[in-house]
Amino acid sequence: MLVSTTPTLQGHDIREYRGVVTGEAIIGAHIFKDLFASIRDVIGGRSQAYEDTIREAREAAMQEMQAECRSLGGNAVVGVDIDYEVVGEGGSMMMVAVSGTAVYITPNEHYQT
């Protein structure tokens, strides 16, 4: 499935707009404690374990958004926005939220969906 932050997809005609689709993933506080406890992963001010956890949350949110798109009969998502928010009491969790517009596109013979 094509997913883009742009409002159009080069080489494809948007035939129908199916609606707004979203996906969310929340990382609990224990993740942050575990990550900061393993400070040995920090190299040059970056934590690979922390980055991997955020990446997994983003991918889960994207998969949820794509599943919602498919349920609306779409085959691509345009105008995607990705947000990261600290939530919960005392900022104990982080949420990754994605949203976009589900569309039905017709593929150009030079591009594949």
C-alpha atoms as a PDB file:
ATOM      1  CA  MET A   1       0.000   0.000   0.000  1.00  0.00           C
ATOM      2  CA  LEU A   2       1.324   3.433  -0.893  1.00  0.00           C
ATOM      3  CA  VAL A   3       1.498   5.815   2.059  1.00  0.00           C
ATOM      4  CA  SER A   4       2.613   9.407   1.563  1.00  0.00           C
ATOM      5  CA  THR A   5       2.806  12.696   3.386  1.00  0.00           C
ATOM      6  CA  THR A   6       1.979  14.442   0.119  1.00  0.00           C
ATOM      7  CA  PRO A   7      -1.614  15.143  -0.990  1.00  0.00           C
ATOM      8  CA  THR A   8      -1.095  13.383  -4.339  1.00  0.00           C
ATOM      9  CA  LEU A   9       0.802  10.376  -5.658  1.00  0.00           C
ATOM     10  CA  GLN A  10       2.866  10.902  -8.767  1.00  0.00           C
ATOM     11  CA  GLY A  11       1.858   8.490 -11.503  1.00  0.00           C
ATOM     12  CA  HIS A  12      -1.503   7.643  -9.910  1.00  0.00           C
ATOM     13  CA  ASP A  13      -4.953   9.139 -10.237  1.00  0.00           C
ATOM     14  CA  ILE A  14      -6.978   9.444  -7.049  1.00  0.00           C
ATOM     15  CA  ARG A  15     -10.411   8.098  -8.038  1.00  0.00           C
ATOM     16  CA  GLU A  16     -12.142   8.256  -4.653  1.00  0.00           C
ATOM     17  CA  TYR A  17     -11.548   9.716  -1.225  1.00  0.00           C
ATOM     18  CA  ARG A  18     -12.660   7.144   1.357  1.00  0.00           C
ATOM     19  CA  GLY A  19     -12.200   9.129   4.576  1.00  0.00           C
ATOM     20  CA  VAL A  20      -9.813  10.005   7.371  1.00  0.00           C
ATOM     21  CA  VAL A  21      -7.894   7.079   8.841  1.00  0.00           C
ATOM     22  CA  THR A  22      -5.824   6.935  12.022  1.00  0.00           C
ATOM     23  CA  GLY A  23      -3.551   4.696  14.019  1.00  0.00           C
ATOM     24  CA  GLU A  24      -2.166   5.007  17.536  1.00  0.00           C
ATOM     25  CA  ALA A  25       0.388   3.197  19.662  1.00  0.00           C
ATOM     26  CA  ILE A  26       1.276   3.943  23.286  1.00  0.00           C
ATOM     27  CA  ILE A  27       4.554   3.069  24.983  1.00  0.00           C
ATOM     28  CA  GLY A  28       4.297   2.639  28.755  1.00  0.00           C
ATOM     29  CA  ALA A  29       6.520   4.113  31.457  1.00  0.00           C
ATOM     30  CA  HIS A  30       8.293   0.826  32.164  1.00  0.00           C
ATOM     31  CA  ILE A  31       9.809   1.029  28.690  1.00  0.00           C
ATOM     32  CA  PHE A  32      11.484   4.335  29.522  1.00  0.00           C
ATOM     33  CA  LYS A  33      12.821   3.022  32.851  1.00  0.00           C
ATOM     34  CA  ASP A  34      14.234  -0.063  31.157  1.00  0.00           C
ATOM     35  CA  LEU A  35      15.771   2.009  28.391  1.00  0.00           C
ATOM     36  CA  PHE A  36      17.436   4.524  30.658  1.00  0.00           C
ATOM     37  CA  ALA A  37      18.632   1.748  32.989  1.00  0.00           C
ATOM     38  CA  SER A  38      20.575   0.268  30.088  1.00  0.00           C
ATOM     39  CA  ILE A  39      22.674   3.385  29.552  1.00  0.00           C
ATOM     40  CA  ARG A  40      25.365   1.277  27.941  1.00  0.00           C
ATOM     41  CA  ASP A  41      23.271   1.398  24.731  1.00  0.00           C
ATOM     42  CA  VAL A  42      23.787   5.150  24.542  1.00  0.00           C
ATOM     43  CA  ILE A  43      26.425   6.052  21.991  1.00  0.00           C
ATOM     44  CA  GLY A  44      27.025   9.657  21.084  1.00  0.00           C
ATOM     45  CA  GLY A  45      23.927  10.760  22.995  1.00  0.00           C
ATOM     46  CA  ARG A  46      21.645   8.287  21.190  1.00  0.00           C
ATOM     47  CA  SER A  47      20.000   5.169  22.547  1.00  0.00           C
ATOM     48  CA  GLN A  48      19.534   2.424  19.972  1.00  0.00           C
ATOM     49  CA  ALA A  49      17.083   0.600  22.251  1.00  0.00           C
ATOM     50  CA  TYR A  50      14.992   3.752  22.681  1.00  0.00           C
ATOM     51  CA  GLU A  51      15.017   4.471  18.940  1.00  0.00           C
ATOM     52  CA  ASP A  52      14.021   0.874  18.173  1.00  0.00           C
ATOM     53  CA  THR A  53      11.086   1.102  20.600  1.00  0.00           C
ATOM     54  CA  ILE A  54       9.851   4.357  19.073  1.00  0.00           C
ATOM     55  CA  ARG A  55      10.235   2.866  15.581  1.00  0.00           C
ATOM     56  CA  GLU A  56       8.189  -0.199  16.582  1.00  0.00           C
ATOM     57  CA  ALA A  57       5.426   2.045  17.975  1.00  0.00           C
ATOM     58  CA  ARG A  58       5.389   4.127  14.788  1.00  0.00           C
ATOM     59  CA  GLU A  59       5.226   0.999  12.609  1.00  0.00           C
ATOM     60  CA  ALA A  60       2.341  -0.392  14.714  1.00  0.00           C
ATOM     61  CA  ALA A  61       0.429   2.890  14.343  1.00  0.00           C
ATOM     62  CA  MET A  62       1.070   2.905  10.576  1.00  0.00           C
ATOM     63  CA  GLN A  63      -0.146  -0.696  10.232  1.00  0.00           C
ATOM     64  CA  GLU A  64      -3.312   0.180  12.153  1.00  0.00           C
ATOM     65  CA  MET A  65      -3.926   3.166   9.858  1.00  0.00           C
ATOM     66  CA  GLN A  66      -3.392   1.016   6.742  1.00  0.00           C
ATOM     67  CA  ALA A  67      -5.792  -1.641   8.048  1.00  0.00           C
ATOM     68  CA  GLU A  68      -8.435   1.039   8.557  1.00  0.00           C
ATOM     69  CA  CYS A  69      -7.801   2.254   4.995  1.00  0.00           C
ATOM     70  CA  ARG A  70      -8.352  -1.260   3.628  1.00  0.00           C
ATOM     71  CA  SER A  71     -11.571  -1.588   5.646  1.00  0.00           C
ATOM     72  CA  LEU A  72     -12.871   1.551   3.886  1.00  0.00           C
ATOM     73  CA  GLY A  73     -11.999   0.103   0.468  1.00  0.00           C
ATOM     74  CA  GLY A  74      -8.919   2.267  -0.035  1.00  0.00           C
ATOM     75  CA  ASN A  75      -5.603   1.183  -1.475  1.00  0.00           C
ATOM     76  CA  ALA A  76      -3.419   4.178  -0.529  1.00  0.00           C
ATOM     77  CA  VAL A  77      -3.152   6.854   2.159  1.00  0.00           C
ATOM     78  CA  VAL A  78      -2.216  10.457   1.383  1.00  0.00           C
ATOM     79  CA  GLY A  79      -1.555  13.508   3.533  1.00  0.00           C
ATOM     80  CA  VAL A  80      -0.097  11.431   6.359  1.00  0.00           C
ATOM     81  CA  ASP A  81       0.855  13.237   9.566  1.00  0.00           C
ATOM     82  CA  ILE A  82       2.889  11.607  12.347  1.00  0.00           C
ATOM     83  CA  ASP A  83       2.729  12.995  15.893  1.00  0.00           C
ATOM     84  CA  TYR A  84       4.588  12.056  19.054  1.00  0.00           C
ATOM     85  CA  GLU A  85       3.001  13.075  22.376  1.00  0.00           C
ATOM     86  CA  VAL A  86       3.846  12.509  26.028  1.00  0.00           C
ATOM     87  CA  VAL A  87       0.655  11.400  27.792  1.00  0.00           C
ATOM     88  CA  GLY A  88      -0.465   9.980  31.108  1.00  0.00           C
ATOM     89  CA  GLU A  89      -0.070  11.124  34.649  1.00  0.00           C
ATOM     90  CA  GLY A  90       3.289  12.834  34.992  1.00  0.00           C
ATOM     91  CA  GLY A  91       4.159  12.108  31.357  1.00  0.00           C
ATOM     92  CA  SER A  92       4.438   8.393  32.065  1.00  0.00           C
ATOM     93  CA  MET A  93       3.710   7.269  28.510  1.00  0.00           C
ATOM     94  CA  MET A  94       4.448   8.268  24.950  1.00  0.00           C
ATOM     95  CA  MET A  95       1.879   8.063  22.161  1.00  0.00           C
ATOM     96  CA  VAL A  96       2.604   7.841  18.461  1.00  0.00           C
ATOM     97  CA  ALA A  97      -0.410   8.897  16.389  1.00  0.00           C
ATOM     98  CA  VAL A  98      -0.684   8.850  12.606  1.00  0.00           C
ATOM     99  CA  SER A  99      -3.498  10.125  10.434  1.00  0.00           C
ATOM    100  CA  GLY A 100      -4.173  10.566   6.752  1.00  0.00           C
ATOM    101  CA  THR A 101      -6.786  10.279   4.052  1.00  0.00           C
ATOM    102  CA  ALA A 102      -7.698   6.873   2.642  1.00  0.00           C
ATOM    103  CA  VAL A 103      -8.024   6.987  -1.123  1.00  0.00           C
ATOM    104  CA  TYR A 104      -8.659   4.609  -3.981  1.00  0.00           C
ATOM    105  CA  ILE A 105      -6.092   5.062  -6.744  1.00  0.00           C
ATOM    106  CA  THR A 106      -5.727   3.584 -10.182  1.00  0.00           C
ATOM    107  CA  PRO A 107      -2.176   2.536 -10.877  1.00  0.00           C
ATOM    108  CA  ASN A 108      -0.197   3.896 -13.774  1.00  0.00           C
ATOM    109  CA  GLU A 109       1.358   1.105 -15.851  1.00  0.00           C
ATOM    110  CA  HIS A 110       4.847   2.351 -14.848  1.00  0.00           C
ATOM    111  CA  TYR A 111       4.099   2.307 -11.101  1.00  0.00           C
ATOM    112  CA  GLN A 112       2.884  -0.456  -8.839  1.00  0.00           C
ATOM    113  CA  THR A 113       0.799  -0.126  -5.648  1.00  0.00           C
END
